[in-house]
PDB file of N, CA and C in Angstrom:
ATOM      1  N   MET A   1    -365.719-113.723 129.080  1.00  0.00           N
ATOM      2  CA  MET A   1    -364.334-113.287 129.197  1.00  0.00           C
ATOM      3  C   MET A   1    -363.430-114.470 128.858  1.00  0.00           C
ATOM      4  N   PHE A   2    -362.402-114.201 128.118  1.00  0.00           N
ATOM      5  CA  PHE A   2    -361.478-115.249 127.707  1.00  0.00           C
ATOM      6  C   PHE A   2    -360.437-115.479 128.784  1.00  0.00           C
ATOM      7  N   ASP A   3    -360.057-116.725 128.978  1.00  0.00           N
ATOM      8  CA  ASP A   3    -358.958-116.993 129.888  1.00  0.00           C
ATOM      9  C   ASP A   3    -357.634-116.738 129.145  1.00  0.00           C
ATOM     10  N   ALA A   4    -356.531-116.719 129.874  1.00  0.00           N
ATOM     11  CA  ALA A   4    -355.243-116.355 129.308  1.00  0.00           C
ATOM     12  C   ALA A   4    -354.812-117.287 128.184  1.00  0.00           C
ATOM     13  N   LYS A   5    -355.086-118.578 128.342  1.00  0.00           N
ATOM     14  CA  LYS A   5    -354.702-119.549 127.316  1.00  0.00           C
ATOM     15  C   LYS A   5    -355.485-119.312 126.026  1.00  0.00           C
ATOM     16  N   ARG A   6    -356.757-119.071 126.165  1.00  0.00           N
ATOM     17  CA  ARG A   6    -357.602-118.839 124.978  1.00  0.00           C
ATOM     18  C   ARG A   6    -357.210-117.527 124.290  1.00  0.00           C
ATOM     19  N   THR A   7    -356.900-116.509 125.073  1.00  0.00           N
ATOM     20  CA  THR A   7    -356.469-115.233 124.512  1.00  0.00           C
ATOM     21  C   THR A   7    -355.148-115.388 123.765  1.00  0.00           C
ATOM     22  N   ALA A   8    -354.207-116.133 124.332  1.00  0.00           N
ATOM     23  CA  ALA A   8    -352.939-116.377 123.670  1.00  0.00           C
ATOM     24  C   ALA A   8    -353.144-117.125 122.358  1.00  0.00           C
ATOM     25  N   ARG A   9    -354.036-118.081 122.352  1.00  0.00           N
ATOM     26  CA  ARG A   9    -354.345-118.850 121.154  1.00  0.00           C
ATOM     27  C   ARG A   9    -354.973-117.934 120.089  1.00  0.00           C
ATOM     28  N   LEU A  10    -355.812-117.023 120.531  1.00  0.00           N
ATOM     29  CA  LEU A  10    -356.452-116.077 119.626  1.00  0.00           C
ATOM     30  C   LEU A  10    -355.410-115.158 118.990  1.00  0.00           C
ATOM     31  N   LYS A  11    -354.492-114.629 119.800  1.00  0.00           N
ATOM     32  CA  LYS A  11    -353.436-113.773 119.255  1.00  0.00           C
ATOM     33  C   LYS A  11    -352.572-114.527 118.269  1.00  0.00           C
ATOM     34  N   TRP A  12    -352.291-115.790 118.559  1.00  0.00           N
ATOM     35  CA  TRP A  12    -351.507-116.602 117.631  1.00  0.00           C
ATOM     36  C   TRP A  12    -352.267-116.767 116.302  1.00  0.00           C
ATOM     37  N   ALA A  13    -353.569-116.977 116.381  1.00  0.00           N
ATOM     38  CA  ALA A  13    -354.388-117.135 115.172  1.00  0.00           C
ATOM     39  C   ALA A  13    -354.432-115.845 114.359  1.00  0.00           C
ATOM     40  N   CYS A  14    -354.222-114.712 114.990  1.00  0.00           N
ATOM     41  CA  CYS A  14    -354.222-113.421 114.285  1.00  0.00           C
ATOM     42  C   CYS A  14    -352.945-113.211 113.475  1.00  0.00           C
ATOM     43  N   ARG A  15    -351.925-113.984 113.756  1.00  0.00           N
ATOM     44  CA  ARG A  15    -350.674-113.876 113.003  1.00  0.00           C
ATOM     45  C   ARG A  15    -350.826-114.659 111.717  1.00  0.00           C
ATOM     46  N   ARG A  16    -351.043-113.922 110.640  1.00  0.00           N
ATOM     47  CA  ARG A  16    -351.380-114.540 109.366  1.00  0.00           C
ATOM     48  C   ARG A  16    -350.156-114.595 108.463  1.00  0.00           C
ATOM     49  N   GLY A  17    -350.364-115.106 107.266  1.00  0.00           N
ATOM     50  CA  GLY A  17    -349.302-115.154 106.278  1.00  0.00           C
ATOM     51  C   GLY A  17    -349.201-113.873 105.468  1.00  0.00           C
ATOM     52  N   MET A  18    -350.092-112.936 105.745  1.00  0.00           N
ATOM     53  CA  MET A  18    -350.098-111.663 105.004  1.00  0.00           C
ATOM     54  C   MET A  18    -349.980-110.514 105.981  1.00  0.00           C
ATOM     55  N   LEU A  19    -349.002-109.674 105.760  1.00  0.00           N
ATOM     56  CA  LEU A  19    -348.787-108.520 106.632  1.00  0.00           C
ATOM     57  C   LEU A  19    -350.012-107.635 106.725  1.00  0.00           C
ATOM     58  N   GLU A  20    -350.721-107.478 105.615  1.00  0.00           N
ATOM     59  CA  GLU A  20    -351.908-106.625 105.604  1.00  0.00           C
ATOM     60  C   GLU A  20    -352.957-107.090 106.608  1.00  0.00           C
ATOM     61  N   LEU A  21    -353.063-108.395 106.788  1.00  0.00           N
ATOM     62  CA  LEU A  21    -354.029-108.944 107.752  1.00  0.00           C
ATOM     63  C   LEU A  21    -353.494-108.820 109.175  1.00  0.00           C
ATOM     64  N   ASP A  22    -352.206-109.051 109.352  1.00  0.00           N
ATOM     65  CA  ASP A  22    -351.608-108.882 110.682  1.00  0.00           C
ATOM     66  C   ASP A  22    -351.848-107.477 111.215  1.00  0.00           C
ATOM     67  N   VAL A  23    -351.682-106.486 110.340  1.00  0.00           N
ATOM     68  CA  VAL A  23    -351.833-105.088 110.714  1.00  0.00           C
ATOM     69  C   VAL A  23    -353.275-104.785 111.133  1.00  0.00           C
ATOM     70  N   LEU A  24    -354.229-105.534 110.617  1.00  0.00           N
ATOM     71  CA  LEU A  24    -355.614-105.345 111.004  1.00  0.00           C
ATOM     72  C   LEU A  24    -355.950-106.106 112.289  1.00  0.00           C
ATOM     73  N   PHE A  25    -355.587-107.381 112.326  1.00  0.00           N
ATOM     74  CA  PHE A  25    -356.051-108.258 113.392  1.00  0.00           C
ATOM     75  C   PHE A  25    -355.365-108.029 114.745  1.00  0.00           C
ATOM     76  N   LEU A  26    -354.062-107.923 114.755  1.00  0.00           N
ATOM     77  CA  LEU A  26    -353.355-107.827 116.032  1.00  0.00           C
ATOM     78  C   LEU A  26    -353.752-106.579 116.833  1.00  0.00           C
ATOM     79  N   PRO A  27    -353.776-105.375 116.223  1.00  0.00           N
ATOM     80  CA  PRO A  27    -354.219-104.218 117.001  1.00  0.00           C
ATOM     81  C   PRO A  27    -355.676-104.352 117.473  1.00  0.00           C
ATOM     82  N   PHE A  28    -356.509-104.952 116.632  1.00  0.00           N
ATOM     83  CA  PHE A  28    -357.905-105.127 117.016  1.00  0.00           C
ATOM     84  C   PHE A  28    -358.025-106.015 118.253  1.00  0.00           C
ATOM     85  N   VAL A  29    -357.310-107.128 118.255  1.00  0.00           N
ATOM     86  CA  VAL A  29    -357.380-108.040 119.401  1.00  0.00           C
ATOM     87  C   VAL A  29    -356.838-107.365 120.664  1.00  0.00           C
ATOM     88  N   GLU A  30    -355.762-106.628 120.507  1.00  0.00           N
ATOM     89  CA  GLU A  30    -355.145-106.003 121.675  1.00  0.00           C
ATOM     90  C   GLU A  30    -355.953-104.834 122.215  1.00  0.00           C
ATOM     91  N   GLN A  31    -356.709-104.129 121.356  1.00  0.00           N
ATOM     92  CA  GLN A  31    -357.347-102.908 121.808  1.00  0.00           C
ATOM     93  C   GLN A  31    -358.870-102.907 121.748  1.00  0.00           C
ATOM     94  N   GLY A  32    -359.487-103.853 121.033  1.00  0.00           N
ATOM     95  CA  GLY A  32    -360.922-103.785 120.888  1.00  0.00           C
ATOM     96  C   GLY A  32    -361.672-105.080 121.154  1.00  0.00           C
ATOM     97  N   PHE A  33    -360.963-106.191 121.160  1.00  0.00           N
ATOM     98  CA  PHE A  33    -361.634-107.482 121.265  1.00  0.00           C
ATOM     99  C   PHE A  33    -362.418-107.639 122.577  1.00  0.00           C
ATOM    100  N   ASP A  34    -361.838-107.200 123.683  1.00  0.00           N
ATOM    101  CA  ASP A  34    -362.498-107.382 124.981  1.00  0.00           C
ATOM    102  C   ASP A  34    -363.804-106.607 125.091  1.00  0.00           C
ATOM    103  N   GLN A  35    -363.977-105.617 124.237  1.00  0.00           N
ATOM    104  CA  GLN A  35    -365.196-104.819 124.296  1.00  0.00           C
ATOM    105  C   GLN A  35    -366.346-105.420 123.491  1.00  0.00           C
ATOM    106  N   LEU A  36    -366.071-106.495 122.766  1.00  0.00           N
ATOM    107  CA  LEU A  36    -367.110-107.177 121.995  1.00  0.00           C
ATOM    108  C   LEU A  36    -367.982-108.024 122.908  1.00  0.00           C
ATOM    109  N   SER A  37    -369.199-108.256 122.484  1.00  0.00           N
ATOM    110  CA  SER A  37    -370.065-109.200 123.196  1.00  0.00           C
ATOM    111  C   SER A  37    -369.512-110.612 122.999  1.00  0.00           C
ATOM    112  N   SER A  38    -369.956-111.548 123.793  1.00  0.00           N
ATOM    113  CA  SER A  38    -369.471-112.929 123.659  1.00  0.00           C
ATOM    114  C   SER A  38    -369.819-113.501 122.284  1.00  0.00           C
ATOM    115  N   GLU A  39    -370.986-113.126 121.771  1.00  0.00           N
ATOM    116  CA  GLU A  39    -371.373-113.597 120.425  1.00  0.00           C
ATOM    117  C   GLU A  39    -370.444-113.019 119.369  1.00  0.00           C
ATOM    118  N   GLN A  40    -370.114-111.733 119.502  1.00  0.00           N
ATOM    119  CA  GLN A  40    -369.201-111.109 118.556  1.00  0.00           C
ATOM    120  C   GLN A  40    -367.795-111.713 118.645  1.00  0.00           C
ATOM    121  N   GLN A  41    -367.374-112.025 119.859  1.00  0.00           N
ATOM    122  CA  GLN A  41    -366.070-112.678 120.033  1.00  0.00           C
ATOM    123  C   GLN A  41    -366.037-114.014 119.321  1.00  0.00           C
ATOM    124  N   GLU A  42    -367.108-114.783 119.438  1.00  0.00           N
ATOM    125  CA  GLU A  42    -367.174-116.067 118.746  1.00  0.00           C
ATOM    126  C   GLU A  42    -367.179-115.877 117.233  1.00  0.00           C
ATOM    127  N   THR A  43    -367.862-114.845 116.757  1.00  0.00           N
ATOM    128  CA  THR A  43    -367.868-114.560 115.332  1.00  0.00           C
ATOM    129  C   THR A  43    -366.461-114.178 114.863  1.00  0.00           C
ATOM    130  N   PHE A  44    -365.749-113.379 115.658  1.00  0.00           N
ATOM    131  CA  PHE A  44    -364.381-113.032 115.298  1.00  0.00           C
ATOM    132  C   PHE A  44    -363.499-114.277 115.226  1.00  0.00           C
ATOM    133  N   GLU A  45    -363.655-115.184 116.187  1.00  0.00           N
ATOM    134  CA  GLU A  45    -362.903-116.435 116.141  1.00  0.00           C
ATOM    135  C   GLU A  45    -363.224-117.218 114.873  1.00  0.00           C
ATOM    136  N   ARG A  46    -364.473-117.227 114.489  1.00  0.00           N
ATOM    137  CA  ARG A  46    -364.871-117.923 113.259  1.00  0.00           C
ATOM    138  C   ARG A  46    -364.265-117.242 112.038  1.00  0.00           C
ATOM    139  N   LEU A  47    -364.215-115.925 112.073  1.00  0.00           N
ATOM    140  CA  LEU A  47    -363.605-115.178 110.979  1.00  0.00           C
ATOM    141  C   LEU A  47    -362.152-115.596 110.778  1.00  0.00           C
ATOM    142  N   LEU A  48    -361.459-115.835 111.880  1.00  0.00           N
ATOM    143  CA  LEU A  48    -360.050-116.220 111.798  1.00  0.00           C
ATOM    144  C   LEU A  48    -359.836-117.611 111.203  1.00  0.00           C
ATOM    145  N   THR A  49    -360.885-118.390 111.059  1.00  0.00           N
ATOM    146  CA  THR A  49    -360.751-119.712 110.452  1.00  0.00           C
ATOM    147  C   THR A  49    -360.833-119.639 108.923  1.00  0.00           C
ATOM    148  N   CYS A  50    -361.169-118.461 108.401  1.00  0.00           N
ATOM    149  CA  CYS A  50    -361.268-118.289 106.943  1.00  0.00           C
ATOM    150  C   CYS A  50    -359.873-118.229 106.324  1.00  0.00           C
ATOM    151  N   ASP A  51    -359.816-118.515 105.047  1.00  0.00           N
ATOM    152  CA  ASP A  51    -358.548-118.488 104.317  1.00  0.00           C
ATOM    153  C   ASP A  51    -358.076-117.062 104.115  1.00  0.00           C
ATOM    154  N   ASP A  52    -356.752-116.878 104.138  1.00  0.00           N
ATOM    155  CA  ASP A  52    -356.165-115.549 103.956  1.00  0.00           C
ATOM    156  C   ASP A  52    -356.603-114.857 102.667  1.00  0.00           C
ATOM    157  N   PRO A  53    -356.618-115.542 101.523  1.00  0.00           N
ATOM    158  CA  PRO A  53    -357.039-114.823 100.301  1.00  0.00           C
ATOM    159  C   PRO A  53    -358.468-114.273 100.405  1.00  0.00           C
ATOM    160  N   ASP A  54    -359.362-115.028 101.031  1.00  0.00           N
ATOM    161  CA  ASP A  54    -360.734-114.541 101.237  1.00  0.00           C
ATOM    162  C   ASP A  54    -360.743-113.333 102.173  1.00  0.00           C
ATOM    163  N   LEU A  55    -360.041-113.466 103.298  1.00  0.00           N
ATOM    164  CA  LEU A  55    -359.982-112.360 104.244  1.00  0.00           C
ATOM    165  C   LEU A  55    -359.429-111.104 103.595  1.00  0.00           C
ATOM    166  N   PHE A  56    -358.349-111.247 102.862  1.00  0.00           N
ATOM    167  CA  PHE A  56    -357.739-110.112 102.174  1.00  0.00           C
ATOM    168  C   PHE A  56    -358.755-109.457 101.229  1.00  0.00           C
ATOM    169  N   ALA A  57    -359.427-110.261 100.441  1.00  0.00           N
ATOM    170  CA  ALA A  57    -360.404-109.718  99.477  1.00  0.00           C
ATOM    171  C   ALA A  57    -361.535-108.985 100.202  1.00  0.00           C
ATOM    172  N   TRP A  58    -362.014-109.546 101.282  1.00  0.00           N
ATOM    173  CA  TRP A  58    -363.097-108.918 102.039  1.00  0.00           C
ATOM    174  C   TRP A  58    -362.651-107.612 102.697  1.00  0.00           C
ATOM    175  N   PHE A  59    -361.499-107.640 103.372  1.00  0.00           N
ATOM    176  CA  PHE A  59    -361.050-106.462 104.094  1.00  0.00           C
ATOM    177  C   PHE A  59    -360.579-105.340 103.169  1.00  0.00           C
ATOM    178  N   MET A  60    -360.105-105.700 102.002  1.00  0.00           N
ATOM    179  CA  MET A  60    -359.644-104.675 101.047  1.00  0.00           C
ATOM    180  C   MET A  60    -360.771-104.200 100.126  1.00  0.00           C
ATOM    181  N   GLY A  61    -361.960-104.806 100.273  1.00  0.00           N
ATOM    182  CA  GLY A  61    -363.111-104.382  99.485  1.00  0.00           C
ATOM    183  C   GLY A  61    -363.146-104.912  98.068  1.00  0.00           C
ATOM    184  N   HIS A  62    -362.349-105.934  97.798  1.00  0.00           N
ATOM    185  CA  HIS A  62    -362.330-106.529  96.454  1.00  0.00           C
ATOM    186  C   HIS A  62    -363.530-107.462  96.248  1.00  0.00           C
ATOM    187  N   GLN A  63    -364.025-108.036  97.337  1.00  0.00           N
ATOM    188  CA  GLN A  63    -365.186-108.921  97.309  1.00  0.00           C
ATOM    189  C   GLN A  63    -366.038-108.617  98.524  1.00  0.00           C
ATOM    190  N   VAL A  64    -367.292-109.036  98.460  1.00  0.00           N
ATOM    191  CA  VAL A  64    -368.202-108.877  99.581  1.00  0.00           C
ATOM    192  C   VAL A  64    -368.385-110.250 100.231  1.00  0.00           C
ATOM    193  N   CYS A  65    -368.250-110.293 101.528  1.00  0.00           N
ATOM    194  CA  CYS A  65    -368.473-111.534 102.275  1.00  0.00           C
ATOM    195  C   CYS A  65    -369.987-111.802 102.284  1.00  0.00           C
ATOM    196  N   THR A  66    -370.372-113.016 101.898  1.00  0.00           N
ATOM    197  CA  THR A  66    -371.791-113.339 101.826  1.00  0.00           C
ATOM    198  C   THR A  66    -372.384-113.799 103.150  1.00  0.00           C
ATOM    199  N   ASP A  67    -371.547-114.072 104.146  1.00  0.00           N
ATOM    200  CA  ASP A  67    -372.030-114.455 105.458  1.00  0.00           C
ATOM    201  C   ASP A  67    -372.323-113.170 106.239  1.00  0.00           C
ATOM    202  N   PRO A  68    -373.596-112.926 106.597  1.00  0.00           N
ATOM    203  CA  PRO A  68    -373.944-111.654 107.243  1.00  0.00           C
ATOM    204  C   PRO A  68    -373.222-111.412 108.568  1.00  0.00           C
ATOM    205  N   GLU A  69    -373.043-112.432 109.376  1.00  0.00           N
ATOM    206  CA  GLU A  69    -372.339-112.249 110.659  1.00  0.00           C
ATOM    207  C   GLU A  69    -370.886-111.887 110.429  1.00  0.00           C
ATOM    208  N   LEU A  70    -370.222-112.584 109.514  1.00  0.00           N
ATOM    209  CA  LEU A  70    -368.819-112.285 109.215  1.00  0.00           C
ATOM    210  C   LEU A  70    -368.681-110.907 108.580  1.00  0.00           C
ATOM    211  N   ALA A  71    -369.622-110.555 107.699  1.00  0.00           N
ATOM    212  CA  ALA A  71    -369.574-109.241 107.060  1.00  0.00           C
ATOM    213  C   ALA A  71    -369.692-108.127 108.103  1.00  0.00           C
ATOM    214  N   LYS A  72    -370.545-108.318 109.079  1.00  0.00           N
ATOM    215  CA  LYS A  72    -370.689-107.323 110.157  1.00  0.00           C
ATOM    216  C   LYS A  72    -369.414-107.249 110.970  1.00  0.00           C
ATOM    217  N   MET A  73    -368.776-108.381 111.248  1.00  0.00           N
ATOM    218  CA  MET A  73    -367.532-108.396 112.016  1.00  0.00           C
ATOM    219  C   MET A  73    -366.419-107.704 111.237  1.00  0.00           C
ATOM    220  N   ILE A  74    -366.361-107.906 109.932  1.00  0.00           N
ATOM    221  CA  ILE A  74    -365.369-107.221 109.102  1.00  0.00           C
ATOM    222  C   ILE A  74    -365.540-105.720 109.240  1.00  0.00           C
ATOM    223  N   ASP A  75    -366.776-105.267 109.196  1.00  0.00           N
ATOM    224  CA  ASP A  75    -367.051-103.844 109.358  1.00  0.00           C
ATOM    225  C   ASP A  75    -366.615-103.337 110.723  1.00  0.00           C
ATOM    226  N   ILE A  76    -366.889-104.095 111.763  1.00  0.00           N
ATOM    227  CA  ILE A  76    -366.483-103.730 113.131  1.00  0.00           C
ATOM    228  C   ILE A  76    -364.970-103.606 113.213  1.00  0.00           C
ATOM    229  N   VAL A  77    -364.251-104.586 112.684  1.00  0.00           N
ATOM    230  CA  VAL A  77    -362.785-104.564 112.742  1.00  0.00           C
ATOM    231  C   VAL A  77    -362.267-103.344 111.991  1.00  0.00           C
ATOM    232  N   LEU A  78    -362.746-103.118 110.803  1.00  0.00           N
ATOM    233  CA  LEU A  78    -362.266-101.991 110.007  1.00  0.00           C
ATOM    234  C   LEU A  78    -362.534-100.658 110.696  1.00  0.00           C
ATOM    235  N   LYS A  79    -363.693-100.495 111.290  1.00  0.00           N
ATOM    236  CA  LYS A  79    -364.018 -99.243 111.985  1.00  0.00           C
ATOM    237  C   LYS A  79    -363.144 -99.056 113.216  1.00  0.00           C
ATOM    238  N   ARG A  80    -362.930-100.116 113.974  1.00  0.00           N
ATOM    239  CA  ARG A  80    -362.114-100.001 115.195  1.00  0.00           C
ATOM    240  C   ARG A  80    -360.644 -99.732 114.845  1.00  0.00           C
ATOM    241  N   VAL A  81    -360.139-100.425 113.846  1.00  0.00           N
ATOM    242  CA  VAL A  81    -358.733-100.231 113.472  1.00  0.00           C
ATOM    243  C   VAL A  81    -358.544 -98.832 112.915  1.00  0.00           C
ATOM    244  N   LYS A  82    -359.523 -98.327 112.184  1.00  0.00           N
ATOM    245  CA  LYS A  82    -359.442 -96.949 111.675  1.00  0.00           C
ATOM    246  C   LYS A  82    -359.339 -95.967 112.834  1.00  0.00           C
ATOM    247  N   LEU A  83    -360.022 -96.194 113.928  1.00  0.00           N
ATOM    248  CA  LEU A  83    -359.937 -95.330 115.085  1.00  0.00           C
ATOM    249  C   LEU A  83    -358.514 -95.297 115.658  1.00  0.00           C
ATOM    250  N   TYR A  84    -357.841 -96.435 115.634  1.00  0.00           N
ATOM    251  CA  TYR A  84    -356.491 -96.514 116.176  1.00  0.00           C
ATOM    252  C   TYR A  84    -355.495 -95.775 115.304  1.00  0.00           C
ATOM    253  N   VAL A  85    -355.779 -95.740 113.992  1.00  0.00           N
ATOM    254  CA  VAL A  85    -354.853 -95.134 113.034  1.00  0.00           C
ATOM    255  C   VAL A  85    -355.027 -93.623 113.002  1.00  0.00           C
ATOM    256  N   ASP A  86    -356.267 -93.158 113.122  1.00  0.00           N
ATOM    257  CA  ASP A  86    -356.538 -91.710 113.027  1.00  0.00           C
ATOM    258  C   ASP A  86    -356.068 -90.950 114.241  1.00  0.00           C
TER     259      ASP A  86
END
């Protein structure tokens, strides 16, 4: 479980330079992040260290992420965010 300071830092890291990424990350953190395992949470944190152009390409399906853990996390985020939108 994340403490309040770490959670605040995570939410800040979700605020990207691209609106398309903000729309994915912020709802995910607010509504789905706590349900992840600790390993998945760490993978999500690692995902947030990637560059915006790479993240955009992966999430929009323009490129495939070659890191299997990150690719799985991208899929998790997309599936969870789709649930919130539908």
